[in-house]
């Protein structure tokens, strides 16, 4: 069974003034913040694991909130917070009040050597911490995919994440399509 976990882009979203700058086209909907890296083609197909962190609303998502026992090197690790279901993409507060991962959790995922961290919200960290944290992860070989949806359908299931970014160059974001294949 295939599940599309990519945010659908409507004309309203595409024409939102927030995304009207040409440099922001790569940051529309489900995308990577690629920083100064190339997305390795071997990352397009990865074993996936999804964590339910939807009950965490008043603090950072921390290492004690999940079990890293089944997280292996080169894994696609997704975090289901339910945020994109509660606050519509692009709505007031979506980009500023979203959940975020703690630095300890980010570091633990990087130490495990995960390839991709997938989120159903707007970033691994908020505000001024967003870009430097994305760069730090990219420098360690881990890419962040923001604004995923339908992650709830993956909870407790083995899946393969098939990730296909656009082949853009010279921009900081890469829109992508992510399809989960249930084993």
C-alpha atoms as a PDB file:
ATOM      1  CA  UNK A   1       0.000   0.000   0.000  1.00  0.00           C
ATOM      2  CA  UNK A   2       1.252   3.479  -0.871  1.00  0.00           C
ATOM      3  CA  UNK A   3       0.542   6.571   1.231  1.00  0.00           C
ATOM      4  CA  UNK A   4       1.357  10.055  -0.022  1.00  0.00           C
ATOM      5  CA  UNK A   5       2.759  12.038   2.911  1.00  0.00           C
ATOM      6  CA  UNK A   6       3.324  15.164   0.822  1.00  0.00           C
ATOM      7  CA  UNK A   7       1.305  18.310   1.478  1.00  0.00           C
ATOM      8  CA  UNK A   8      -1.014  19.090  -1.443  1.00  0.00           C
ATOM      9  CA  UNK A   9      -0.360  22.518  -2.913  1.00  0.00           C
ATOM     10  CA  UNK A  10      -3.533  24.387  -3.820  1.00  0.00           C
ATOM     11  CA  UNK A  11      -3.711  27.597  -5.901  1.00  0.00           C
ATOM     12  CA  UNK A  12      -4.412  29.483  -2.656  1.00  0.00           C
ATOM     13  CA  UNK A  13      -1.204  28.175  -1.087  1.00  0.00           C
ATOM     14  CA  UNK A  14       0.849  28.775  -4.224  1.00  0.00           C
ATOM     15  CA  UNK A  15      -0.403  32.358  -4.505  1.00  0.00           C
ATOM     16  CA  UNK A  16       0.069  33.208  -0.830  1.00  0.00           C
ATOM     17  CA  UNK A  17       2.210  36.367  -0.533  1.00  0.00           C
ATOM     18  CA  UNK A  18       4.485  34.537   1.916  1.00  0.00           C
ATOM     19  CA  UNK A  19       5.736  32.405  -1.008  1.00  0.00           C
ATOM     20  CA  UNK A  20       5.699  35.047  -3.743  1.00  0.00           C
ATOM     21  CA  UNK A  21       9.469  35.652  -3.697  1.00  0.00           C
ATOM     22  CA  UNK A  22      11.248  33.494  -6.313  1.00  0.00           C
ATOM     23  CA  UNK A  23      13.818  32.402  -3.706  1.00  0.00           C
ATOM     24  CA  UNK A  24      11.003  31.012  -1.566  1.00  0.00           C
ATOM     25  CA  UNK A  25       9.535  28.742  -4.266  1.00  0.00           C
ATOM     26  CA  UNK A  26      11.769  25.925  -3.024  1.00  0.00           C
ATOM     27  CA  UNK A  27      10.298  26.324   0.452  1.00  0.00           C
ATOM     28  CA  UNK A  28       6.680  25.859  -0.622  1.00  0.00           C
ATOM     29  CA  UNK A  29       4.867  22.939   0.997  1.00  0.00           C
ATOM     30  CA  UNK A  30       6.776  19.723   1.664  1.00  0.00           C
ATOM     31  CA  UNK A  31      10.459  20.471   1.127  1.00  0.00           C
ATOM     32  CA  UNK A  32      14.047  20.174   2.299  1.00  0.00           C
ATOM     33  CA  UNK A  33      16.089  23.123   3.421  1.00  0.00           C
ATOM     34  CA  UNK A  34      19.127  21.872   1.502  1.00  0.00           C
ATOM     35  CA  UNK A  35      21.513  24.514   2.694  1.00  0.00           C
ATOM     36  CA  UNK A  36      24.704  24.162   0.613  1.00  0.00           C
ATOM     37  CA  UNK A  37      24.459  20.403   0.012  1.00  0.00           C
ATOM     38  CA  UNK A  38      23.348  18.072  -2.746  1.00  0.00           C
ATOM     39  CA  UNK A  39      20.681  15.514  -1.899  1.00  0.00           C
ATOM     40  CA  UNK A  40      22.308  12.073  -2.366  1.00  0.00           C
ATOM     41  CA  UNK A  41      20.301   9.866  -4.719  1.00  0.00           C
ATOM     42  CA  UNK A  42      20.748   6.892  -2.394  1.00  0.00           C
ATOM     43  CA  UNK A  43      18.567   8.776   0.132  1.00  0.00           C
ATOM     44  CA  UNK A  44      15.542   8.447  -2.164  1.00  0.00           C
ATOM     45  CA  UNK A  45      14.625   5.057  -0.680  1.00  0.00           C
ATOM     46  CA  UNK A  46      14.993   4.578   3.075  1.00  0.00           C
ATOM     47  CA  UNK A  47      13.582   2.323   5.756  1.00  0.00           C
ATOM     48  CA  UNK A  48      11.247   4.478   7.831  1.00  0.00           C
ATOM     49  CA  UNK A  49      10.037   4.789  11.377  1.00  0.00           C
ATOM     50  CA  UNK A  50       7.372   7.195  12.643  1.00  0.00           C
ATOM     51  CA  UNK A  51       7.066   8.414  16.218  1.00  0.00           C
ATOM     52  CA  UNK A  52       3.875   9.681  17.828  1.00  0.00           C
ATOM     53  CA  UNK A  53       4.731  12.886  19.662  1.00  0.00           C
ATOM     54  CA  UNK A  54       1.240  14.363  19.395  1.00  0.00           C
ATOM     55  CA  UNK A  55       0.798  14.505  23.168  1.00  0.00           C
ATOM     56  CA  UNK A  56       3.724  16.886  23.614  1.00  0.00           C
ATOM     57  CA  UNK A  57       2.437  20.430  23.319  1.00  0.00           C
ATOM     58  CA  UNK A  58       4.017  22.595  25.995  1.00  0.00           C
ATOM     59  CA  UNK A  59       7.735  21.858  25.550  1.00  0.00           C
ATOM     60  CA  UNK A  60      10.342  20.624  23.098  1.00  0.00           C
ATOM     61  CA  UNK A  61      10.095  17.043  21.875  1.00  0.00           C
ATOM     62  CA  UNK A  62      12.911  15.362  23.769  1.00  0.00           C
ATOM     63  CA  UNK A  63      14.954  12.179  23.657  1.00  0.00           C
ATOM     64  CA  UNK A  64      12.943  10.702  26.552  1.00  0.00           C
ATOM     65  CA  UNK A  65       9.742  10.966  24.450  1.00  0.00           C
ATOM     66  CA  UNK A  66      10.758   8.266  21.963  1.00  0.00           C
ATOM     67  CA  UNK A  67      12.755   5.048  21.880  1.00  0.00           C
ATOM     68  CA  UNK A  68      15.780   5.116  19.627  1.00  0.00           C
ATOM     69  CA  UNK A  69      16.255   1.330  19.928  1.00  0.00           C
ATOM     70  CA  UNK A  70      14.914   0.627  16.422  1.00  0.00           C
ATOM     71  CA  UNK A  71      16.502   3.638  14.759  1.00  0.00           C
ATOM     72  CA  UNK A  72      19.337   2.504  12.538  1.00  0.00           C
ATOM     73  CA  UNK A  73      21.861   4.277  10.365  1.00  0.00           C
ATOM     74  CA  UNK A  74      20.346   5.667   7.141  1.00  0.00           C
ATOM     75  CA  UNK A  75      16.793   5.583   8.497  1.00  0.00           C
ATOM     76  CA  UNK A  76      14.023   8.052   7.580  1.00  0.00           C
ATOM     77  CA  UNK A  77      12.718   9.174  10.991  1.00  0.00           C
ATOM     78  CA  UNK A  78       9.317  10.903  10.994  1.00  0.00           C
ATOM     79  CA  UNK A  79       7.642  12.786  13.823  1.00  0.00           C
ATOM     80  CA  UNK A  80       3.851  12.855  13.966  1.00  0.00           C
ATOM     81  CA  UNK A  81       2.788  15.804  16.107  1.00  0.00           C
ATOM     82  CA  UNK A  82      -0.611  16.370  14.492  1.00  0.00           C
ATOM     83  CA  UNK A  83       0.280  20.050  14.135  1.00  0.00           C
ATOM     84  CA  UNK A  84      -0.400  20.285  10.394  1.00  0.00           C
ATOM     85  CA  UNK A  85      -3.870  18.852  11.095  1.00  0.00           C
ATOM     86  CA  UNK A  86      -4.608  21.429  13.817  1.00  0.00           C
ATOM     87  CA  UNK A  87      -3.126  24.531  12.200  1.00  0.00           C
ATOM     88  CA  UNK A  88      -3.495  24.774   8.432  1.00  0.00           C
ATOM     89  CA  UNK A  89      -0.296  25.197   6.471  1.00  0.00           C
ATOM     90  CA  UNK A  90       0.470  28.895   6.045  1.00  0.00           C
ATOM     91  CA  UNK A  91      -2.159  29.979   8.567  1.00  0.00           C
ATOM     92  CA  UNK A  92      -1.254  32.616  11.137  1.00  0.00           C
ATOM     93  CA  UNK A  93       1.186  31.067  13.610  1.00  0.00           C
ATOM     94  CA  UNK A  94       1.954  27.990  11.497  1.00  0.00           C
ATOM     95  CA  UNK A  95       5.560  29.011  10.875  1.00  0.00           C
ATOM     96  CA  UNK A  96       6.226  30.491  14.326  1.00  0.00           C
ATOM     97  CA  UNK A  97       4.385  28.416  16.954  1.00  0.00           C
ATOM     98  CA  UNK A  98       5.056  24.875  15.736  1.00  0.00           C
ATOM     99  CA  UNK A  99       6.608  22.079  17.824  1.00  0.00           C
ATOM    100  CA  UNK A 100      10.359  21.644  17.746  1.00  0.00           C
ATOM    101  CA  UNK A 101      12.897  18.960  18.598  1.00  0.00           C
ATOM    102  CA  UNK A 102      15.259  19.423  21.516  1.00  0.00           C
ATOM    103  CA  UNK A 103      18.952  19.762  20.817  1.00  0.00           C
ATOM    104  CA  UNK A 104      19.585  16.509  22.722  1.00  0.00           C
ATOM    105  CA  UNK A 105      17.163  14.627  20.469  1.00  0.00           C
ATOM    106  CA  UNK A 106      18.641  16.169  17.328  1.00  0.00           C
ATOM    107  CA  UNK A 107      22.134  15.194  18.454  1.00  0.00           C
ATOM    108  CA  UNK A 108      21.033  11.624  19.266  1.00  0.00           C
ATOM    109  CA  UNK A 109      19.491  11.251  15.787  1.00  0.00           C
ATOM    110  CA  UNK A 110      22.668  12.563  14.180  1.00  0.00           C
ATOM    111  CA  UNK A 111      24.774  10.153  16.236  1.00  0.00           C
ATOM    112  CA  UNK A 112      22.582   7.316  14.938  1.00  0.00           C
ATOM    113  CA  UNK A 113      23.376   8.469  11.398  1.00  0.00           C
ATOM    114  CA  UNK A 114      19.803   8.938  10.196  1.00  0.00           C
ATOM    115  CA  UNK A 115      19.497  10.157   6.603  1.00  0.00           C
ATOM    116  CA  UNK A 116      16.276  12.131   6.893  1.00  0.00           C
ATOM    117  CA  UNK A 117      14.216  13.652   9.688  1.00  0.00           C
ATOM    118  CA  UNK A 118      10.612  14.218   8.576  1.00  0.00           C
ATOM    119  CA  UNK A 119       8.239  16.602  10.344  1.00  0.00           C
ATOM    120  CA  UNK A 120       4.558  17.445  10.089  1.00  0.00           C
ATOM    121  CA  UNK A 121       5.372  21.017  11.047  1.00  0.00           C
ATOM    122  CA  UNK A 122       7.483  23.916   9.765  1.00  0.00           C
ATOM    123  CA  UNK A 123      10.945  23.177  11.112  1.00  0.00           C
ATOM    124  CA  UNK A 124      13.212  21.264  13.419  1.00  0.00           C
ATOM    125  CA  UNK A 125      13.700  24.490  15.408  1.00  0.00           C
ATOM    126  CA  UNK A 126      11.852  27.826  15.365  1.00  0.00           C
ATOM    127  CA  UNK A 127      12.917  31.372  14.556  1.00  0.00           C
ATOM    128  CA  UNK A 128      16.605  32.234  14.505  1.00  0.00           C
ATOM    129  CA  UNK A 129      17.533  28.640  15.418  1.00  0.00           C
ATOM    130  CA  UNK A 130      15.879  27.186  12.306  1.00  0.00           C
ATOM    131  CA  UNK A 131      18.511  27.825   9.640  1.00  0.00           C
ATOM    132  CA  UNK A 132      21.647  27.136  11.720  1.00  0.00           C
ATOM    133  CA  UNK A 133      20.173  23.851  12.966  1.00  0.00           C
ATOM    134  CA  UNK A 134      19.251  22.764   9.436  1.00  0.00           C
ATOM    135  CA  UNK A 135      22.814  23.601   8.351  1.00  0.00           C
ATOM    136  CA  UNK A 136      24.276  21.666  11.287  1.00  0.00           C
ATOM    137  CA  UNK A 137      22.220  18.599  10.340  1.00  0.00           C
ATOM    138  CA  UNK A 138      23.091  18.910   6.628  1.00  0.00           C
ATOM    139  CA  UNK A 139      26.782  19.147   7.529  1.00  0.00           C
ATOM    140  CA  UNK A 140      26.358  15.799   9.318  1.00  0.00           C
ATOM    141  CA  UNK A 141      24.646  14.223   6.282  1.00  0.00           C
ATOM    142  CA  UNK A 142      21.083  14.454   7.605  1.00  0.00           C
ATOM    143  CA  UNK A 143      18.352  16.322   5.722  1.00  0.00           C
ATOM    144  CA  UNK A 144      15.182  17.762   7.245  1.00  0.00           C
ATOM    145  CA  UNK A 145      11.861  17.434   5.403  1.00  0.00           C
ATOM    146  CA  UNK A 146       9.254  19.898   6.613  1.00  0.00           C
ATOM    147  CA  UNK A 147       5.463  20.010   6.284  1.00  0.00           C
ATOM    148  CA  UNK A 148       4.659  16.328   5.811  1.00  0.00           C
ATOM    149  CA  UNK A 149       1.107  15.060   6.285  1.00  0.00           C
ATOM    150  CA  UNK A 150      -0.692  11.739   6.849  1.00  0.00           C
ATOM    151  CA  UNK A 151       2.048  10.581   9.239  1.00  0.00           C
ATOM    152  CA  UNK A 152      -0.567   9.193  11.630  1.00  0.00           C
ATOM    153  CA  UNK A 153      -1.174   6.391   9.100  1.00  0.00           C
ATOM    154  CA  UNK A 154       2.440   5.262   9.532  1.00  0.00           C
ATOM    155  CA  UNK A 155       2.467   4.925  13.309  1.00  0.00           C
ATOM    156  CA  UNK A 156       3.347   1.412  14.448  1.00  0.00           C
ATOM    157  CA  UNK A 157       4.003   0.214  10.892  1.00  0.00           C
ATOM    158  CA  UNK A 158       7.114  -0.738   8.976  1.00  0.00           C
ATOM    159  CA  UNK A 159       7.465   1.368   5.857  1.00  0.00           C
ATOM    160  CA  UNK A 160       9.832   2.475   3.142  1.00  0.00           C
ATOM    161  CA  UNK A 161      10.049   6.219   2.527  1.00  0.00           C
ATOM    162  CA  UNK A 162      10.464   7.108  -1.137  1.00  0.00           C
ATOM    163  CA  UNK A 163      11.618  10.711  -1.398  1.00  0.00           C
ATOM    164  CA  UNK A 164      11.971  12.536  -4.697  1.00  0.00           C
ATOM    165  CA  UNK A 165      13.217  16.129  -4.570  1.00  0.00           C
ATOM    166  CA  UNK A 166      13.044  18.489  -7.524  1.00  0.00           C
ATOM    167  CA  UNK A 167      16.334  18.890  -9.368  1.00  0.00           C
ATOM    168  CA  UNK A 168      16.685  22.630  -8.721  1.00  0.00           C
ATOM    169  CA  UNK A 169      20.062  24.290  -8.300  1.00  0.00           C
ATOM    170  CA  UNK A 170      21.028  27.558  -6.698  1.00  0.00           C
ATOM    171  CA  UNK A 171      18.106  27.779  -4.278  1.00  0.00           C
ATOM    172  CA  UNK A 172      17.978  26.954  -0.573  1.00  0.00           C
ATOM    173  CA  UNK A 173      14.891  24.747  -0.601  1.00  0.00           C
ATOM    174  CA  UNK A 174      13.937  21.686  -2.614  1.00  0.00           C
ATOM    175  CA  UNK A 175      10.257  20.807  -2.945  1.00  0.00           C
ATOM    176  CA  UNK A 176       9.826  17.049  -2.837  1.00  0.00           C
ATOM    177  CA  UNK A 177       7.286  14.278  -3.064  1.00  0.00           C
ATOM    178  CA  UNK A 178       7.399  11.666  -0.321  1.00  0.00           C
ATOM    179  CA  UNK A 179       5.527   8.392  -0.681  1.00  0.00           C
ATOM    180  CA  UNK A 180       5.469   5.841   2.130  1.00  0.00           C
ATOM    181  CA  UNK A 181       5.316   2.213   1.074  1.00  0.00           C
ATOM    182  CA  UNK A 182       3.833  -0.015   3.758  1.00  0.00           C
ATOM    183  CA  UNK A 183       5.654  -3.316   3.962  1.00  0.00           C
END
